Amino acid sequence: QQISWTPLLVLGYLFYLLLGAMVFQLLEKQAETHFRDQFQLEKLKFLQNYTCLDRQALEQFVQVLMEAWEKGVNPEGNSTNPSNWDFSNSFFFAGTVVTTIGYGNLSPSTVAGQIFCVFYALFGVPLNLAFLNQLGKALNAHLLTLERWVQKPGRAQVQLAIFLTTGTLLFLVFPPLVFSYVEGWSYGEGFYFTFITLSTIGFGDYVVGTNPNKHYIPVYRSLTAIWIVFGLAWLALVFNVGADLMERFLQLKWHKPDLSLAEGATTKLEDEPEQPRIHIPS
């Protein structure tokens, strides 16, 4: 007798979203109010110090700053700031397009650039998924299938532990150290940037190579883009394993096995080789 767990999964998913909304509101709303009040106070002080300006002129200047930021121009520094569209930065931007990270701090401002970006993503996103799928298969070649890991403990568990440990060090632990040194971030900020990037969430609040007061080597962002590609493939495998294990838990939790069917399934599993199930989700 099979019990449907889909409604419970839907309810659990909605509950998780509601829980996240309440926690984020609790943690962030008061800080936002503080920063907003502080910003308004700073504008008032600025007007008091420069009496030749009125509020309307100041608001217009703030609007100019916001438009500059939206166009990818950092208001800090001067006209000698490095271009956002040199080859290294353009290579990095192309990577954020096809990987669907989309930080949001930089985007095409010309009509031709916007049209090209649409078609570039139209063909680039499927190409990137195909590439990540093949890369994931290469990474997965050193692992046994998930079924064997679950059903036959031993060597497969050791291989999975090595895979997870090595990937965690290469993609989540060591990179924040580099970003902390180069960007001047704390380790926590670097780790936050690392995970938000590799999970393709890409808020854009932290982006490498954008500080006008720092001098970066030309290939810095290009090397970061390459790290992102391999990190995406690894983290996608980890997410996929987690999703598969969650589905198995729900099936074991809510499905009552039929003994007669189980005996037939056991015989079939013994006769047929198992096929790998780990893949890159699209």
C-alpha atoms as a PDB file:
ATOM      1  CA  GLN A   1       0.000   0.000   0.000  1.00  0.00           C
ATOM      2  CA  GLN A   2       1.589   3.250  -1.160  1.00  0.00           C
ATOM      3  CA  ILE A   3       0.888   6.495   0.680  1.00  0.00           C
ATOM      4  CA  SER A   4       1.294   9.690  -1.333  1.00  0.00           C
ATOM      5  CA  TRP A   5       3.828  12.014   0.284  1.00  0.00           C
ATOM      6  CA  THR A   6       3.533  14.739  -2.390  1.00  0.00           C
ATOM      7  CA  PRO A   7       1.021  16.878  -0.428  1.00  0.00           C
ATOM      8  CA  LEU A   8       3.274  16.668   2.624  1.00  0.00           C
ATOM      9  CA  LEU A   9       6.264  17.709   0.516  1.00  0.00           C
ATOM     10  CA  VAL A  10       4.318  20.706  -0.827  1.00  0.00           C
ATOM     11  CA  LEU A  11       3.264  21.730   2.675  1.00  0.00           C
ATOM     12  CA  GLY A  12       6.815  21.268   3.941  1.00  0.00           C
ATOM     13  CA  TYR A  13       8.172  23.388   1.077  1.00  0.00           C
ATOM     14  CA  LEU A  14       5.703  26.208   1.763  1.00  0.00           C
ATOM     15  CA  PHE A  15       6.427  26.012   5.492  1.00  0.00           C
ATOM     16  CA  TYR A  16      10.166  26.287   4.771  1.00  0.00           C
ATOM     17  CA  LEU A  17       9.567  29.432   2.692  1.00  0.00           C
ATOM     18  CA  LEU A  18       7.358  30.957   5.395  1.00  0.00           C
ATOM     19  CA  LEU A  19       9.934  30.110   8.055  1.00  0.00           C
ATOM     20  CA  GLY A  20      12.688  31.736   5.989  1.00  0.00           C
ATOM     21  CA  ALA A  21      10.570  34.857   5.435  1.00  0.00           C
ATOM     22  CA  MET A  22       9.912  35.258   9.166  1.00  0.00           C
ATOM     23  CA  VAL A  23      13.550  34.731  10.158  1.00  0.00           C
ATOM     24  CA  PHE A  24      14.898  37.119   7.501  1.00  0.00           C
ATOM     25  CA  GLN A  25      12.346  39.734   8.538  1.00  0.00           C
ATOM     26  CA  LEU A  26      13.318  39.310  12.178  1.00  0.00           C
ATOM     27  CA  LEU A  27      17.040  39.581  11.447  1.00  0.00           C
ATOM     28  CA  GLU A  28      17.111  42.273   8.762  1.00  0.00           C
ATOM     29  CA  LYS A  29      14.174  44.653   9.124  1.00  0.00           C
ATOM     30  CA  GLN A  30      15.460  46.469  12.204  1.00  0.00           C
ATOM     31  CA  ALA A  31      18.920  46.877  10.672  1.00  0.00           C
ATOM     32  CA  GLU A  32      17.374  48.252   7.475  1.00  0.00           C
ATOM     33  CA  THR A  33      15.401  50.814   9.494  1.00  0.00           C
ATOM     34  CA  HIS A  34      18.582  51.848  11.305  1.00  0.00           C
ATOM     35  CA  PHE A  35      20.533  52.302   8.066  1.00  0.00           C
ATOM     36  CA  ARG A  36      17.675  54.219   6.464  1.00  0.00           C
ATOM     37  CA  ASP A  37      17.427  56.623   9.408  1.00  0.00           C
ATOM     38  CA  GLN A  38      21.190  57.019   9.467  1.00  0.00           C
ATOM     39  CA  PHE A  39      21.256  57.823   5.754  1.00  0.00           C
ATOM     40  CA  GLN A  40      18.522  60.439   6.138  1.00  0.00           C
ATOM     41  CA  LEU A  41      20.463  61.970   9.046  1.00  0.00           C
ATOM     42  CA  GLU A  42      23.622  62.137   6.922  1.00  0.00           C
ATOM     43  CA  LYS A  43      21.715  63.910   4.156  1.00  0.00           C
ATOM     44  CA  LEU A  44      20.380  66.427   6.672  1.00  0.00           C
ATOM     45  CA  LYS A  45      23.890  67.077   8.018  1.00  0.00           C
ATOM     46  CA  PHE A  46      25.174  67.510   4.459  1.00  0.00           C
ATOM     47  CA  LEU A  47      22.528  70.152   3.749  1.00  0.00           C
ATOM     48  CA  GLN A  48      23.367  71.965   6.993  1.00  0.00           C
ATOM     49  CA  ASN A  49      27.077  72.049   6.113  1.00  0.00           C
ATOM     50  CA  TYR A  50      26.479  73.163   2.513  1.00  0.00           C
ATOM     51  CA  THR A  51      23.732  75.750   2.706  1.00  0.00           C
ATOM     52  CA  CYS A  52      24.079  76.596  -0.974  1.00  0.00           C
ATOM     53  CA  LEU A  53      22.318  73.309  -1.747  1.00  0.00           C
ATOM     54  CA  ASP A  54      18.649  72.591  -1.206  1.00  0.00           C
ATOM     55  CA  ARG A  55      16.997  69.225  -0.642  1.00  0.00           C
ATOM     56  CA  GLN A  56      15.834  68.924  -4.247  1.00  0.00           C
ATOM     57  CA  ALA A  57      19.364  69.396  -5.587  1.00  0.00           C
ATOM     58  CA  LEU A  58      20.687  66.795  -3.167  1.00  0.00           C
ATOM     59  CA  GLU A  59      17.983  64.296  -4.133  1.00  0.00           C
ATOM     60  CA  GLN A  60      18.852  64.816  -7.803  1.00  0.00           C
ATOM     61  CA  PHE A  61      22.501  64.110  -7.062  1.00  0.00           C
ATOM     62  CA  VAL A  62      21.575  60.963  -5.132  1.00  0.00           C
ATOM     63  CA  GLN A  63      19.536  59.880  -8.173  1.00  0.00           C
ATOM     64  CA  VAL A  64      22.589  60.410 -10.372  1.00  0.00           C
ATOM     65  CA  LEU A  65      24.635  58.214  -8.031  1.00  0.00           C
ATOM     66  CA  MET A  66      22.003  55.482  -8.107  1.00  0.00           C
ATOM     67  CA  GLU A  67      21.830  55.531 -11.901  1.00  0.00           C
ATOM     68  CA  ALA A  68      25.616  55.348 -12.105  1.00  0.00           C
ATOM     69  CA  TRP A  69      25.623  52.319  -9.786  1.00  0.00           C
ATOM     70  CA  GLU A  70      22.909  50.616 -11.820  1.00  0.00           C
ATOM     71  CA  LYS A  71      25.031  51.130 -14.954  1.00  0.00           C
ATOM     72  CA  GLY A  72      27.983  49.458 -13.272  1.00  0.00           C
ATOM     73  CA  VAL A  73      29.911  52.668 -12.547  1.00  0.00           C
ATOM     74  CA  ASN A  74      31.311  52.775  -9.022  1.00  0.00           C
ATOM     75  CA  PRO A  75      30.679  56.280  -7.601  1.00  0.00           C
ATOM     76  CA  GLU A  76      33.877  56.019  -5.556  1.00  0.00           C
ATOM     77  CA  GLY A  77      37.178  57.085  -7.025  1.00  0.00           C
ATOM     78  CA  ASN A  78      37.494  59.046 -10.262  1.00  0.00           C
ATOM     79  CA  SER A  79      37.588  58.585 -14.027  1.00  0.00           C
ATOM     80  CA  THR A  80      40.833  56.611 -13.786  1.00  0.00           C
ATOM     81  CA  ASN A  81      39.001  53.623 -12.312  1.00  0.00           C
ATOM     82  CA  PRO A  82      39.573  50.472 -14.405  1.00  0.00           C
ATOM     83  CA  SER A  83      36.907  49.657 -16.969  1.00  0.00           C
ATOM     84  CA  ASN A  84      34.181  47.166 -16.122  1.00  0.00           C
ATOM     85  CA  TRP A  85      34.315  45.973 -19.716  1.00  0.00           C
ATOM     86  CA  ASP A  86      37.958  45.110 -20.289  1.00  0.00           C
ATOM     87  CA  PHE A  87      38.545  41.555 -21.505  1.00  0.00           C
ATOM     88  CA  SER A  88      39.025  40.022 -18.065  1.00  0.00           C
ATOM     89  CA  ASN A  89      35.876  41.603 -16.648  1.00  0.00           C
ATOM     90  CA  SER A  90      33.902  40.825 -19.812  1.00  0.00           C
ATOM     91  CA  PHE A  91      35.012  37.190 -19.571  1.00  0.00           C
ATOM     92  CA  PHE A  92      33.805  37.118 -15.966  1.00  0.00           C
ATOM     93  CA  PHE A  93      30.486  38.694 -16.964  1.00  0.00           C
ATOM     94  CA  ALA A  94      29.985  36.138 -19.756  1.00  0.00           C
ATOM     95  CA  GLY A  95      30.483  33.408 -17.157  1.00  0.00           C
ATOM     96  CA  THR A  96      27.839  34.911 -14.867  1.00  0.00           C
ATOM     97  CA  VAL A  97      25.399  34.969 -17.796  1.00  0.00           C
ATOM     98  CA  VAL A  98      25.703  31.349 -18.932  1.00  0.00           C
ATOM     99  CA  THR A  99      25.823  30.050 -15.355  1.00  0.00           C
ATOM    100  CA  THR A 100      22.700  32.111 -14.497  1.00  0.00           C
ATOM    101  CA  ILE A 101      24.435  33.611 -11.437  1.00  0.00           C
ATOM    102  CA  GLY A 102      23.547  37.158 -12.528  1.00  0.00           C
ATOM    103  CA  TYR A 103      25.027  39.277  -9.743  1.00  0.00           C
ATOM    104  CA  GLY A 104      23.095  42.342 -10.892  1.00  0.00           C
ATOM    105  CA  ASN A 105      25.928  44.806 -10.266  1.00  0.00           C
ATOM    106  CA  LEU A 106      26.732  44.965 -13.987  1.00  0.00           C
ATOM    107  CA  SER A 107      24.567  44.635 -17.077  1.00  0.00           C
ATOM    108  CA  PRO A 108      24.604  45.747 -20.723  1.00  0.00           C
ATOM    109  CA  SER A 109      23.509  49.358 -21.143  1.00  0.00           C
ATOM    110  CA  THR A 110      23.353  49.510 -24.953  1.00  0.00           C
ATOM    111  CA  VAL A 111      20.446  48.097 -26.954  1.00  0.00           C
ATOM    112  CA  ALA A 112      22.853  46.036 -29.051  1.00  0.00           C
ATOM    113  CA  GLY A 113      24.474  44.649 -25.892  1.00  0.00           C
ATOM    114  CA  GLN A 114      21.110  43.755 -24.374  1.00  0.00           C
ATOM    115  CA  ILE A 115      19.920  41.975 -27.539  1.00  0.00           C
ATOM    116  CA  PHE A 116      23.207  40.086 -27.817  1.00  0.00           C
ATOM    117  CA  CYS A 117      22.953  39.128 -24.128  1.00  0.00           C
ATOM    118  CA  VAL A 118      19.522  37.559 -24.717  1.00  0.00           C
ATOM    119  CA  PHE A 119      20.709  35.379 -27.592  1.00  0.00           C
ATOM    120  CA  TYR A 120      24.025  34.668 -25.887  1.00  0.00           C
ATOM    121  CA  ALA A 121      22.152  33.342 -22.848  1.00  0.00           C
ATOM    122  CA  LEU A 122      19.635  31.504 -25.031  1.00  0.00           C
ATOM    123  CA  PHE A 123      22.362  29.283 -26.449  1.00  0.00           C
ATOM    124  CA  GLY A 124      24.890  29.642 -23.627  1.00  0.00           C
ATOM    125  CA  VAL A 125      22.746  28.398 -20.742  1.00  0.00           C
ATOM    126  CA  PRO A 126      21.973  24.997 -22.387  1.00  0.00           C
ATOM    127  CA  LEU A 127      25.631  24.747 -23.439  1.00  0.00           C
ATOM    128  CA  ASN A 128      26.696  25.444 -19.874  1.00  0.00           C
ATOM    129  CA  LEU A 129      24.292  22.807 -18.525  1.00  0.00           C
ATOM    130  CA  ALA A 130      25.632  20.264 -20.997  1.00  0.00           C
ATOM    131  CA  PHE A 131      29.202  21.141 -20.028  1.00  0.00           C
ATOM    132  CA  LEU A 132      28.434  20.910 -16.310  1.00  0.00           C
ATOM    133  CA  ASN A 133      26.707  17.593 -16.898  1.00  0.00           C
ATOM    134  CA  GLN A 134      29.809  16.162 -18.566  1.00  0.00           C
ATOM    135  CA  LEU A 135      32.030  17.675 -15.897  1.00  0.00           C
ATOM    136  CA  GLY A 136      29.799  16.178 -13.240  1.00  0.00           C
ATOM    137  CA  LYS A 137      30.096  12.772 -14.873  1.00  0.00           C
ATOM    138  CA  ALA A 138      33.869  13.099 -14.799  1.00  0.00           C
ATOM    139  CA  LEU A 139      33.782  13.978 -11.103  1.00  0.00           C
ATOM    140  CA  ASN A 140      31.266  11.222 -10.484  1.00  0.00           C
ATOM    141  CA  ALA A 141      33.447   8.626 -12.235  1.00  0.00           C
ATOM    142  CA  HIS A 142      35.451   8.241  -9.022  1.00  0.00           C
ATOM    143  CA  LEU A 143      32.356   7.455  -6.996  1.00  0.00           C
ATOM    144  CA  LEU A 144      30.162   4.380  -6.891  1.00  0.00           C
ATOM    145  CA  THR A 145      26.486   4.905  -7.575  1.00  0.00           C
ATOM    146  CA  LEU A 146      24.271   6.360  -4.864  1.00  0.00           C
ATOM    147  CA  GLU A 147      22.346   3.078  -4.645  1.00  0.00           C
ATOM    148  CA  ARG A 148      25.496   1.133  -3.817  1.00  0.00           C
ATOM    149  CA  TRP A 149      26.507   3.713  -1.238  1.00  0.00           C
ATOM    150  CA  VAL A 150      23.136   3.457   0.489  1.00  0.00           C
ATOM    151  CA  GLN A 151      22.781  -0.325   0.264  1.00  0.00           C
ATOM    152  CA  LYS A 152      26.396  -1.495   0.545  1.00  0.00           C
ATOM    153  CA  PRO A 153      28.324   0.458   3.176  1.00  0.00           C
ATOM    154  CA  GLY A 154      32.077   0.312   3.154  1.00  0.00           C
ATOM    155  CA  ARG A 155      34.428   1.495   0.449  1.00  0.00           C
ATOM    156  CA  ALA A 156      31.779   3.609  -1.284  1.00  0.00           C
ATOM    157  CA  GLN A 157      31.205   5.612   1.896  1.00  0.00           C
ATOM    158  CA  VAL A 158      34.937   6.274   2.140  1.00  0.00           C
ATOM    159  CA  GLN A 159      35.015   7.447  -1.490  1.00  0.00           C
ATOM    160  CA  LEU A 160      32.058   9.741  -0.924  1.00  0.00           C
ATOM    161  CA  ALA A 161      33.660  11.145   2.237  1.00  0.00           C
ATOM    162  CA  ILE A 162      36.890  11.863   0.322  1.00  0.00           C
ATOM    163  CA  PHE A 163      34.910  13.463  -2.511  1.00  0.00           C
ATOM    164  CA  LEU A 164      32.965  15.705  -0.136  1.00  0.00           C
ATOM    165  CA  THR A 165      36.009  16.612   1.976  1.00  0.00           C
ATOM    166  CA  THR A 166      38.245  17.418  -1.002  1.00  0.00           C
ATOM    167  CA  GLY A 167      35.536  19.470  -2.715  1.00  0.00           C
ATOM    168  CA  THR A 168      34.714  21.335   0.480  1.00  0.00           C
ATOM    169  CA  LEU A 169      38.361  22.305   0.939  1.00  0.00           C
ATOM    170  CA  LEU A 170      38.929  23.293  -2.704  1.00  0.00           C
ATOM    171  CA  PHE A 171      35.679  25.154  -3.305  1.00  0.00           C
ATOM    172  CA  LEU A 172      34.360  26.342   0.074  1.00  0.00           C
ATOM    173  CA  VAL A 173      37.198  26.528   2.630  1.00  0.00           C
ATOM    174  CA  PHE A 174      40.346  27.733   0.801  1.00  0.00           C
ATOM    175  CA  PRO A 175      38.800  30.265  -1.658  1.00  0.00           C
ATOM    176  CA  PRO A 176      37.502  32.563   1.134  1.00  0.00           C
ATOM    177  CA  LEU A 177      41.083  32.824   2.386  1.00  0.00           C
ATOM    178  CA  VAL A 178      42.145  34.103  -1.039  1.00  0.00           C
ATOM    179  CA  PHE A 179      39.208  36.503  -1.294  1.00  0.00           C
ATOM    180  CA  SER A 180      39.850  37.779   2.241  1.00  0.00           C
ATOM    181  CA  TYR A 181      43.462  38.548   1.319  1.00  0.00           C
ATOM    182  CA  VAL A 182      42.769  40.106  -2.089  1.00  0.00           C
ATOM    183  CA  GLU A 183      39.470  41.885  -1.399  1.00  0.00           C
ATOM    184  CA  GLY A 184      39.980  42.796   2.244  1.00  0.00           C
ATOM    185  CA  TRP A 185      36.860  40.906   3.335  1.00  0.00           C
ATOM    186  CA  SER A 186      36.533  38.943   6.543  1.00  0.00           C
ATOM    187  CA  TYR A 187      36.639  35.165   6.219  1.00  0.00           C
ATOM    188  CA  GLY A 188      32.906  35.029   6.924  1.00  0.00           C
ATOM    189  CA  GLU A 189      32.188  37.477   4.107  1.00  0.00           C
ATOM    190  CA  GLY A 190      34.415  35.477   1.772  1.00  0.00           C
ATOM    191  CA  PHE A 191      32.670  32.229   2.669  1.00  0.00           C
ATOM    192  CA  TYR A 192      29.289  33.902   2.193  1.00  0.00           C
ATOM    193  CA  PHE A 193      30.330  35.129  -1.266  1.00  0.00           C
ATOM    194  CA  THR A 194      31.681  31.684  -2.150  1.00  0.00           C
ATOM    195  CA  PHE A 195      28.504  29.800  -1.321  1.00  0.00           C
ATOM    196  CA  ILE A 196      26.122  32.414  -2.753  1.00  0.00           C
ATOM    197  CA  THR A 197      28.112  32.309  -5.996  1.00  0.00           C
ATOM    198  CA  LEU A 198      28.504  28.543  -6.403  1.00  0.00           C
ATOM    199  CA  SER A 199      24.836  27.979  -5.586  1.00  0.00           C
ATOM    200  CA  THR A 200      24.016  30.466  -8.422  1.00  0.00           C
ATOM    201  CA  ILE A 201      21.977  32.613  -6.009  1.00  0.00           C
ATOM    202  CA  GLY A 202      24.185  35.589  -6.845  1.00  0.00           C
ATOM    203  CA  PHE A 203      22.827  38.507  -4.833  1.00  0.00           C
ATOM    204  CA  GLY A 204      25.531  40.864  -6.073  1.00  0.00           C
ATOM    205  CA  ASP A 205      26.228  42.427  -2.660  1.00  0.00           C
ATOM    206  CA  TYR A 206      29.746  40.955  -2.810  1.00  0.00           C
ATOM    207  CA  VAL A 207      31.535  40.693  -6.173  1.00  0.00           C
ATOM    208  CA  VAL A 208      35.244  40.131  -6.724  1.00  0.00           C
ATOM    209  CA  GLY A 209      37.415  42.660  -8.502  1.00  0.00           C
ATOM    210  CA  THR A 210      35.169  45.706  -8.078  1.00  0.00           C
ATOM    211  CA  ASN A 211      37.009  47.777  -5.456  1.00  0.00           C
ATOM    212  CA  PRO A 212      38.416  50.890  -7.221  1.00  0.00           C
ATOM    213  CA  ASN A 213      40.996  51.347  -4.471  1.00  0.00           C
ATOM    214  CA  LYS A 214      42.670  48.010  -5.170  1.00  0.00           C
ATOM    215  CA  HIS A 215      44.917  46.938  -8.029  1.00  0.00           C
ATOM    216  CA  TYR A 216      44.044  43.473  -9.315  1.00  0.00           C
ATOM    217  CA  ILE A 217      46.124  41.299 -11.589  1.00  0.00           C
ATOM    218  CA  PRO A 218      44.557  41.170 -15.092  1.00  0.00           C
ATOM    219  CA  VAL A 219      43.602  37.486 -14.923  1.00  0.00           C
ATOM    220  CA  TYR A 220      42.127  37.637 -11.418  1.00  0.00           C
ATOM    221  CA  ARG A 221      38.464  37.620 -12.446  1.00  0.00           C
ATOM    222  CA  SER A 222      39.113  35.171 -15.288  1.00  0.00           C
ATOM    223  CA  LEU A 223      40.655  32.690 -12.848  1.00  0.00           C
ATOM    224  CA  THR A 224      37.699  33.278 -10.541  1.00  0.00           C
ATOM    225  CA  ALA A 225      35.321  32.444 -13.410  1.00  0.00           C
ATOM    226  CA  ILE A 226      37.137  29.132 -13.990  1.00  0.00           C
ATOM    227  CA  TRP A 227      36.937  28.333 -10.269  1.00  0.00           C
ATOM    228  CA  ILE A 228      33.211  29.078 -10.406  1.00  0.00           C
ATOM    229  CA  VAL A 229      32.630  26.589 -13.244  1.00  0.00           C
ATOM    230  CA  PHE A 230      34.287  23.674 -11.440  1.00  0.00           C
ATOM    231  CA  GLY A 231      32.709  24.686  -8.136  1.00  0.00           C
ATOM    232  CA  LEU A 232      29.276  24.753  -9.750  1.00  0.00           C
ATOM    233  CA  ALA A 233      29.698  21.183 -10.975  1.00  0.00           C
ATOM    234  CA  TRP A 234      30.825  19.962  -7.544  1.00  0.00           C
ATOM    235  CA  LEU A 235      28.125  21.760  -5.558  1.00  0.00           C
ATOM    236  CA  ALA A 236      25.447  20.671  -8.039  1.00  0.00           C
ATOM    237  CA  LEU A 237      26.452  17.056  -7.372  1.00  0.00           C
ATOM    238  CA  VAL A 238      26.252  17.665  -3.636  1.00  0.00           C
ATOM    239  CA  PHE A 239      22.821  19.280  -3.970  1.00  0.00           C
ATOM    240  CA  ASN A 240      21.670  16.425  -6.163  1.00  0.00           C
ATOM    241  CA  VAL A 241      22.829  13.819  -3.658  1.00  0.00           C
ATOM    242  CA  GLY A 242      21.033  15.723  -0.905  1.00  0.00           C
ATOM    243  CA  ALA A 243      17.832  15.937  -2.939  1.00  0.00           C
ATOM    244  CA  ASP A 244      18.020  12.229  -3.777  1.00  0.00           C
ATOM    245  CA  LEU A 245      18.550  11.274  -0.139  1.00  0.00           C
ATOM    246  CA  MET A 246      15.646  13.510   0.891  1.00  0.00           C
ATOM    247  CA  GLU A 247      13.372  11.810  -1.635  1.00  0.00           C
ATOM    248  CA  ARG A 248      14.491   8.410  -0.372  1.00  0.00           C
ATOM    249  CA  PHE A 249      13.800   9.440   3.224  1.00  0.00           C
ATOM    250  CA  LEU A 250      10.290  10.577   2.322  1.00  0.00           C
ATOM    251  CA  GLN A 251       9.628   7.389   0.375  1.00  0.00           C
ATOM    252  CA  LEU A 252      10.866   5.217   3.245  1.00  0.00           C
ATOM    253  CA  LYS A 253       8.886   7.332   5.702  1.00  0.00           C
ATOM    254  CA  TRP A 254       5.568   7.343   3.894  1.00  0.00           C
ATOM    255  CA  HIS A 255       5.647   4.255   1.643  1.00  0.00           C
ATOM    256  CA  LYS A 256       4.618   0.940   3.111  1.00  0.00           C
ATOM    257  CA  PRO A 257       6.556  -1.761   1.207  1.00  0.00           C
ATOM    258  CA  ASP A 258       4.768  -4.658  -0.465  1.00  0.00           C
ATOM    259  CA  LEU A 259       6.711  -7.800   0.492  1.00  0.00           C
ATOM    260  CA  SER A 260       5.838  -9.695  -2.682  1.00  0.00           C
ATOM    261  CA  LEU A 261       6.966  -6.795  -4.855  1.00  0.00           C
ATOM    262  CA  ALA A 262      10.074  -6.333  -2.737  1.00  0.00           C
ATOM    263  CA  GLU A 263      11.111  -9.960  -3.314  1.00  0.00           C
ATOM    264  CA  GLY A 264      10.749  -9.545  -7.076  1.00  0.00           C
ATOM    265  CA  ALA A 265      12.642  -6.250  -6.986  1.00  0.00           C
ATOM    266  CA  THR A 266      15.454  -7.861  -5.006  1.00  0.00           C
ATOM    267  CA  THR A 267      15.796 -10.620  -7.585  1.00  0.00           C
ATOM    268  CA  LYS A 268      15.843  -8.052 -10.408  1.00  0.00           C
ATOM    269  CA  LEU A 269      18.526  -5.963  -8.668  1.00  0.00           C
ATOM    270  CA  GLU A 270      20.708  -9.025  -8.283  1.00  0.00           C
ATOM    271  CA  ASP A 271      20.372  -9.905 -11.978  1.00  0.00           C
ATOM    272  CA  GLU A 272      20.829  -6.415 -13.429  1.00  0.00           C
ATOM    273  CA  PRO A 273      23.758  -4.034 -12.867  1.00  0.00           C
ATOM    274  CA  GLU A 274      22.908  -0.779 -11.160  1.00  0.00           C
ATOM    275  CA  GLN A 275      22.948   2.411 -13.170  1.00  0.00           C
ATOM    276  CA  PRO A 276      24.331   5.676 -11.840  1.00  0.00           C
ATOM    277  CA  ARG A 277      21.726   8.207 -10.799  1.00  0.00           C
ATOM    278  CA  ILE A 278      23.837  11.170  -9.828  1.00  0.00           C
ATOM    279  CA  HIS A 279      23.463  13.918 -12.394  1.00  0.00           C
ATOM    280  CA  ILE A 280      23.522  17.672 -12.713  1.00  0.00           C
ATOM    281  CA  PRO A 281      20.004  19.037 -12.264  1.00  0.00           C
ATOM    282  CA  SER A 282      18.859  21.452 -14.930  1.00  0.00           C
END
